[in-house]
Amino acid sequence: MLEHQMKILTEVSFDKYLFRNELIKSFKWLNNAELLKLRNWLIQNFKQLYIEFMGEIPFQKRFNRIG
């Protein structure tokens, strides 16, 4: 599922709203270990988009529970 979401996020990265929607789906579907890998991948590949959305409550709460 992680690889699938990475592919989808790459394909919709041209539109920040589609990217955000797919990112929200990722947080619903992936487990914490996968989310940590996704976060690292997002920082490496889509840092600007990730920074724009990382402050939103659902994302921040979920990542605060990791580790």
C-alpha atoms as a PDB file:
ATOM      1  CA  MET A   1       0.000   0.000   0.000  1.00  0.00           C
ATOM      2  CA  LEU A   2       2.883   2.374   0.747  1.00  0.00           C
ATOM      3  CA  GLU A   3       4.326   2.027  -2.753  1.00  0.00           C
ATOM      4  CA  HIS A   4       0.877   2.577  -4.231  1.00  0.00           C
ATOM      5  CA  GLN A   5       0.395   5.801  -2.287  1.00  0.00           C
ATOM      6  CA  MET A   6       3.868   7.035  -3.262  1.00  0.00           C
ATOM      7  CA  LYS A   7       2.981   6.461  -6.919  1.00  0.00           C
ATOM      8  CA  ILE A   8      -0.351   8.240  -6.578  1.00  0.00           C
ATOM      9  CA  LEU A   9       1.208  11.188  -4.722  1.00  0.00           C
ATOM     10  CA  THR A  10       3.800  11.529  -7.459  1.00  0.00           C
ATOM     11  CA  GLU A  11       1.103  11.492 -10.139  1.00  0.00           C
ATOM     12  CA  VAL A  12      -1.027  14.176  -8.452  1.00  0.00           C
ATOM     13  CA  SER A  13       1.822  16.406  -7.277  1.00  0.00           C
ATOM     14  CA  PHE A  14       0.980  18.922 -10.015  1.00  0.00           C
ATOM     15  CA  ASP A  15      -2.109  19.942  -8.014  1.00  0.00           C
ATOM     16  CA  LYS A  16      -1.605  20.710  -4.334  1.00  0.00           C
ATOM     17  CA  TYR A  17      -5.271  20.037  -3.492  1.00  0.00           C
ATOM     18  CA  LEU A  18      -5.245  16.588  -5.079  1.00  0.00           C
ATOM     19  CA  PHE A  19      -1.927  15.965  -3.340  1.00  0.00           C
ATOM     20  CA  ARG A  20      -3.457  16.959   0.000  1.00  0.00           C
ATOM     21  CA  ASN A  21      -6.468  14.682  -0.532  1.00  0.00           C
ATOM     22  CA  GLU A  22      -4.266  11.712  -1.360  1.00  0.00           C
ATOM     23  CA  LEU A  23      -2.067  12.492   1.617  1.00  0.00           C
ATOM     24  CA  ILE A  24      -5.131  12.390   3.866  1.00  0.00           C
ATOM     25  CA  LYS A  25      -6.029   8.976   2.431  1.00  0.00           C
ATOM     26  CA  SER A  26      -2.500   7.802   3.167  1.00  0.00           C
ATOM     27  CA  PHE A  27      -2.892   8.692   6.827  1.00  0.00           C
ATOM     28  CA  LYS A  28      -6.084   6.667   6.996  1.00  0.00           C
ATOM     29  CA  TRP A  29      -4.678   3.560   5.277  1.00  0.00           C
ATOM     30  CA  LEU A  30      -1.040   3.252   6.353  1.00  0.00           C
ATOM     31  CA  ASN A  31       0.311   1.971   9.652  1.00  0.00           C
ATOM     32  CA  ASN A  32       2.775   3.994  11.721  1.00  0.00           C
ATOM     33  CA  ALA A  33       5.900   2.336  10.297  1.00  0.00           C
ATOM     34  CA  GLU A  34       4.694   3.024   6.757  1.00  0.00           C
ATOM     35  CA  LEU A  35       3.824   6.599   7.689  1.00  0.00           C
ATOM     36  CA  LEU A  36       7.325   7.189   8.956  1.00  0.00           C
ATOM     37  CA  LYS A  37       8.725   5.930   5.646  1.00  0.00           C
ATOM     38  CA  LEU A  38       6.208   8.079   3.778  1.00  0.00           C
ATOM     39  CA  ARG A  39       7.190  11.155   5.781  1.00  0.00           C
ATOM     40  CA  ASN A  40      10.866  10.635   4.933  1.00  0.00           C
ATOM     41  CA  TRP A  41      10.007  10.089   1.278  1.00  0.00           C
ATOM     42  CA  LEU A  42       7.841  13.230   1.222  1.00  0.00           C
ATOM     43  CA  ILE A  43      10.640  15.328   2.694  1.00  0.00           C
ATOM     44  CA  GLN A  44      13.078  14.019   0.081  1.00  0.00           C
ATOM     45  CA  ASN A  45      10.748  14.354  -2.910  1.00  0.00           C
ATOM     46  CA  PHE A  46       8.058  16.913  -2.127  1.00  0.00           C
ATOM     47  CA  LYS A  47       9.448  18.994   0.691  1.00  0.00           C
ATOM     48  CA  GLN A  48       7.600  22.182  -0.250  1.00  0.00           C
ATOM     49  CA  LEU A  49       4.206  20.480  -0.527  1.00  0.00           C
ATOM     50  CA  TYR A  50       4.827  18.489   2.648  1.00  0.00           C
ATOM     51  CA  ILE A  51       5.772  21.623   4.600  1.00  0.00           C
ATOM     52  CA  GLU A  52       2.604  23.342   3.410  1.00  0.00           C
ATOM     53  CA  PHE A  53       0.370  20.587   4.821  1.00  0.00           C
ATOM     54  CA  MET A  54       2.341  19.243   7.784  1.00  0.00           C
ATOM     55  CA  GLY A  55       0.844  21.782  10.170  1.00  0.00           C
ATOM     56  CA  GLU A  56      -2.668  20.485   9.686  1.00  0.00           C
ATOM     57  CA  ILE A  57      -4.070  18.781  12.772  1.00  0.00           C
ATOM     58  CA  PRO A  58      -4.626  15.220  11.435  1.00  0.00           C
ATOM     59  CA  PHE A  59      -1.074  14.969  10.113  1.00  0.00           C
ATOM     60  CA  GLN A  60       0.615  16.440  13.159  1.00  0.00           C
ATOM     61  CA  LYS A  61      -1.304  14.267  15.621  1.00  0.00           C
ATOM     62  CA  ARG A  62      -0.528  11.084  13.721  1.00  0.00           C
ATOM     63  CA  PHE A  63       3.202  11.779  13.398  1.00  0.00           C
ATOM     64  CA  ASN A  64       3.450  12.775  17.053  1.00  0.00           C
ATOM     65  CA  ARG A  65       2.362   9.231  17.925  1.00  0.00           C
ATOM     66  CA  ILE A  66       5.267   7.709  15.956  1.00  0.00           C
ATOM     67  CA  GLY A  67       8.306   6.829  17.988  1.00  0.00           C
END
